[in-house]
Amino acid sequence: MMEIFSFDNFLGFIFLFLPGFISIKVYHSMVASDKYDLSKDLLELIGYSLLNLILNIWLILLNIGAGWVFQEGLLFYFSCIWILLISPIIWPLCVKWILCSKFAKRYFLGNKKTAWDFYFSQRKGIWVIITLKNGQRIGGSYSENSFATSYPCKESIYLEEQWELWDDERKFKNKTESTGGVLILGDNIEKIEFYN
């Protein structure tokens, strides 16, 4: 029974669990996705860890061939940190970069779950007019201090500035005095118009 808790088994667990766990957490922090259930996706996590080891096989072979384990402690420890921590962060960044490239967009679905996520993930400053289901229109500035939720959260939007609108036109009149912005829940929104 005590063999299960041996140091070798602990190291094996770390190398088969930690890199995949880090990669999955990094990737899910960058793209819209359902909440990750570790208990259901343990094989996927181990698969990512194994893929990380395969991609770093050159470093493992260098460690063995050059004898860093026995001679160069600092190089050995750095290579362990690279394999366990650094490369599992780099791979999801590379995958996201590839999926966002023009070439990949022609052949893959992309990493945005909804049109809402696609538009607001661009984080560009824009003027918006939001028409609510009760017919009320709210104008405002969506800029760097504004925020829109992403999947799987329900849609809501925070505009950092609220602006009064002309009654008969889709034009902005003036900034509402002492505005701290406005928060609008997606259930109340009928449509959103964007203006440069």
Protein backbone atom coordinates (compact mmCIF):
# COMPACT_ATOMS: atom_id res chain seq x y z
CA MET A 1 0.00 0.00 0.00
CA MET A 2 2.80 2.42 0.84
CA GLU A 3 4.29 1.89 -2.66
CA ILE A 4 1.41 3.96 -4.07
CA PHE A 5 2.74 6.98 -2.18
CA SER A 6 6.36 6.52 -3.22
CA PHE A 7 8.41 9.44 -4.56
CA ASP A 8 8.58 7.91 -8.06
CA ASN A 9 4.80 7.61 -8.24
CA PHE A 10 4.45 11.18 -7.03
CA LEU A 11 6.81 12.43 -9.77
CA GLY A 12 4.92 10.41 -12.38
CA PHE A 13 1.65 11.92 -11.19
CA ILE A 14 3.10 15.44 -11.39
CA PHE A 15 4.39 14.92 -14.96
CA LEU A 16 1.07 13.36 -16.09
CA PHE A 17 -1.22 15.85 -14.34
CA LEU A 18 0.33 19.29 -13.90
CA PRO A 19 1.21 20.27 -17.52
CA GLY A 20 -2.23 19.30 -18.84
CA PHE A 21 -3.97 21.06 -15.95
CA ILE A 22 -2.01 24.26 -16.60
CA SER A 23 -2.61 24.13 -20.38
CA ILE A 24 -6.35 23.62 -19.93
CA LYS A 25 -6.65 26.45 -17.39
CA VAL A 26 -4.69 28.85 -19.63
CA TYR A 27 -6.72 27.96 -22.73
CA HIS A 28 -10.07 28.26 -20.96
CA SER A 29 -9.09 31.66 -19.57
CA MET A 30 -8.58 32.92 -23.16
CA VAL A 31 -11.61 31.48 -24.98
CA ALA A 32 -15.30 31.19 -24.27
CA SER A 33 -16.03 27.72 -22.96
CA ASP A 34 -18.25 25.76 -20.63
CA LYS A 35 -17.09 25.31 -17.07
CA TYR A 36 -14.41 22.64 -17.07
CA ASP A 37 -15.26 19.47 -15.14
CA LEU A 38 -11.99 17.85 -14.12
CA SER A 39 -13.64 14.59 -13.05
CA LYS A 40 -15.18 14.04 -16.51
CA ASP A 41 -12.19 15.16 -18.56
CA LEU A 42 -9.30 13.53 -16.71
CA LEU A 43 -8.24 11.54 -19.81
CA GLU A 44 -8.11 14.77 -21.86
CA LEU A 45 -5.96 16.37 -19.18
CA ILE A 46 -3.56 13.40 -19.18
CA GLY A 47 -3.53 13.50 -23.00
CA TYR A 48 -2.42 17.15 -22.95
CA SER A 49 0.30 16.29 -20.44
CA LEU A 50 1.54 13.45 -22.66
CA LEU A 51 1.48 15.73 -25.70
CA ASN A 52 3.54 18.24 -23.72
CA LEU A 53 6.09 15.53 -22.89
CA ILE A 54 6.24 14.45 -26.55
CA LEU A 55 6.81 18.04 -27.70
CA ASN A 56 9.55 18.38 -25.10
CA ILE A 57 11.20 15.01 -25.82
CA TRP A 58 14.24 16.86 -27.19
CA LEU A 59 14.83 18.40 -23.76
CA ILE A 60 14.33 15.10 -21.97
CA LEU A 61 16.83 13.38 -24.30
CA LEU A 62 19.27 16.27 -23.84
CA ASN A 63 19.01 15.83 -20.07
CA ILE A 64 19.77 12.12 -20.36
CA GLY A 65 22.48 12.46 -23.04
CA ALA A 66 24.32 15.35 -21.43
CA GLY A 67 23.96 13.94 -17.94
CA TRP A 68 22.44 17.14 -16.53
CA VAL A 69 20.66 15.12 -13.86
CA PHE A 70 23.98 14.25 -12.25
CA GLN A 71 26.35 17.05 -13.34
CA GLU A 72 24.47 20.29 -14.04
CA GLY A 73 21.83 20.71 -11.36
CA LEU A 74 20.78 24.20 -12.46
CA LEU A 75 20.19 23.15 -16.09
CA PHE A 76 18.25 20.10 -14.94
CA TYR A 77 16.00 22.15 -12.66
CA PHE A 78 15.42 24.74 -15.39
CA SER A 79 14.44 22.02 -17.85
CA CYS A 80 11.97 20.60 -15.29
CA ILE A 81 10.45 24.07 -14.81
CA TRP A 82 10.26 24.45 -18.60
CA ILE A 83 8.49 21.10 -19.05
CA LEU A 84 6.14 21.42 -16.07
CA LEU A 85 5.28 25.14 -16.05
CA ILE A 86 6.49 27.25 -18.98
CA SER A 87 5.73 25.12 -22.04
CA PRO A 88 2.20 24.23 -20.82
CA ILE A 89 1.50 27.98 -20.82
CA ILE A 90 3.08 28.54 -24.25
CA TRP A 91 1.18 25.77 -26.13
CA PRO A 92 -2.33 27.20 -25.54
CA LEU A 93 -1.09 30.67 -26.57
CA CYS A 94 0.28 29.18 -29.80
CA VAL A 95 -2.95 27.27 -30.46
CA LYS A 96 -5.03 30.41 -29.92
CA TRP A 97 -2.74 32.41 -32.22
CA ILE A 98 -3.04 29.76 -34.93
CA LEU A 99 -6.85 29.55 -34.60
CA CYS A 100 -7.10 33.34 -34.91
CA SER A 101 -5.00 33.43 -38.10
CA LYS A 102 -6.70 34.13 -41.44
CA PHE A 103 -5.61 30.73 -42.76
CA ALA A 104 -7.20 28.82 -39.86
CA LYS A 105 -10.43 30.84 -39.99
CA ARG A 106 -11.08 29.42 -43.47
CA TYR A 107 -10.95 25.83 -42.22
CA PHE A 108 -11.90 25.85 -38.52
CA LEU A 109 -15.00 27.01 -36.68
CA GLY A 110 -13.05 29.31 -34.36
CA ASN A 111 -13.02 29.70 -30.62
CA LYS A 112 -15.97 32.05 -30.13
CA LYS A 113 -19.22 30.43 -28.99
CA THR A 114 -21.59 33.30 -29.83
CA ALA A 115 -21.77 36.39 -32.02
CA TRP A 116 -21.81 38.38 -28.76
CA ASP A 117 -18.41 36.89 -27.82
CA PHE A 118 -17.02 37.41 -31.31
CA TYR A 119 -17.84 41.12 -31.38
CA PHE A 120 -16.98 42.11 -27.82
CA SER A 121 -13.75 40.07 -27.69
CA GLN A 122 -12.32 42.52 -30.24
CA ARG A 123 -12.32 45.14 -27.45
CA LYS A 124 -12.56 48.08 -29.79
CA GLY A 125 -13.99 51.39 -28.67
CA ILE A 126 -17.36 52.11 -30.26
CA TRP A 127 -20.56 54.06 -29.76
CA VAL A 128 -23.63 51.93 -29.09
CA ILE A 129 -27.36 52.40 -29.02
CA ILE A 130 -29.16 49.65 -27.17
CA THR A 131 -32.88 49.21 -27.73
CA LEU A 132 -34.60 47.45 -24.85
CA LYS A 133 -37.62 45.18 -25.19
CA ASN A 134 -39.83 47.91 -23.70
CA GLY A 135 -38.77 50.27 -26.52
CA GLN A 136 -36.42 52.46 -24.45
CA ARG A 137 -33.18 53.39 -26.19
CA ILE A 138 -29.91 53.77 -24.29
CA GLY A 139 -26.85 55.34 -25.88
CA GLY A 140 -23.35 55.15 -24.61
CA SER A 141 -19.66 54.66 -25.12
CA TYR A 142 -18.24 51.14 -25.07
CA SER A 143 -14.51 51.64 -24.53
CA GLU A 144 -11.53 50.38 -22.51
CA ASN A 145 -13.31 50.67 -19.13
CA SER A 146 -16.49 49.00 -20.41
CA PHE A 147 -17.19 45.30 -20.17
CA ALA A 148 -19.33 42.61 -21.80
CA THR A 149 -19.73 39.15 -20.34
CA SER A 150 -18.69 36.07 -22.31
CA TYR A 151 -20.01 32.55 -22.67
CA PRO A 152 -21.10 30.63 -20.58
CA CYS A 153 -22.30 33.62 -18.51
CA LYS A 154 -25.58 35.24 -19.47
CA GLU A 155 -25.11 38.29 -21.70
CA SER A 156 -24.83 41.65 -19.97
CA ILE A 157 -23.00 44.81 -20.90
CA TYR A 158 -21.53 47.68 -18.91
CA LEU A 159 -21.09 50.98 -20.75
CA GLU A 160 -18.63 53.32 -19.05
CA GLU A 161 -20.54 56.43 -20.23
CA GLN A 162 -24.23 56.93 -20.85
CA TRP A 163 -25.27 59.52 -23.44
CA GLU A 164 -28.58 61.18 -24.15
CA LEU A 165 -29.97 60.62 -27.62
CA TRP A 166 -31.93 62.88 -29.96
CA ASP A 167 -35.53 61.70 -30.03
CA ASP A 168 -35.98 61.46 -33.78
CA GLU A 169 -32.48 60.42 -34.89
CA ARG A 170 -29.82 57.89 -34.06
CA LYS A 171 -27.38 60.57 -32.92
CA PHE A 172 -25.76 61.26 -29.60
CA LYS A 173 -26.79 64.52 -27.92
CA ASN A 174 -24.61 64.91 -24.82
CA LYS A 175 -23.11 62.92 -21.99
CA THR A 176 -25.44 62.29 -19.07
CA GLU A 177 -24.26 64.39 -16.12
CA SER A 178 -22.39 62.56 -13.36
CA THR A 179 -22.68 59.30 -15.24
CA GLY A 180 -20.92 56.31 -13.75
CA GLY A 181 -21.99 54.28 -16.72
CA VAL A 182 -24.87 51.88 -17.13
CA LEU A 183 -25.25 48.12 -16.72
CA ILE A 184 -27.75 46.38 -18.98
CA LEU A 185 -28.80 42.75 -18.67
CA GLY A 186 -29.03 40.76 -21.89
CA ASP A 187 -32.58 39.53 -21.13
CA ASN A 188 -33.80 43.13 -21.55
CA ILE A 189 -32.01 43.82 -24.85
CA GLU A 190 -33.84 43.66 -28.17
CA LYS A 191 -30.98 44.90 -30.34
CA ILE A 192 -27.63 46.71 -30.22
CA GLU A 193 -26.49 49.17 -32.90
CA PHE A 194 -22.81 50.05 -33.30
CA TYR A 195 -21.48 53.39 -34.58
CA ASN A 196 -17.95 54.62 -35.24
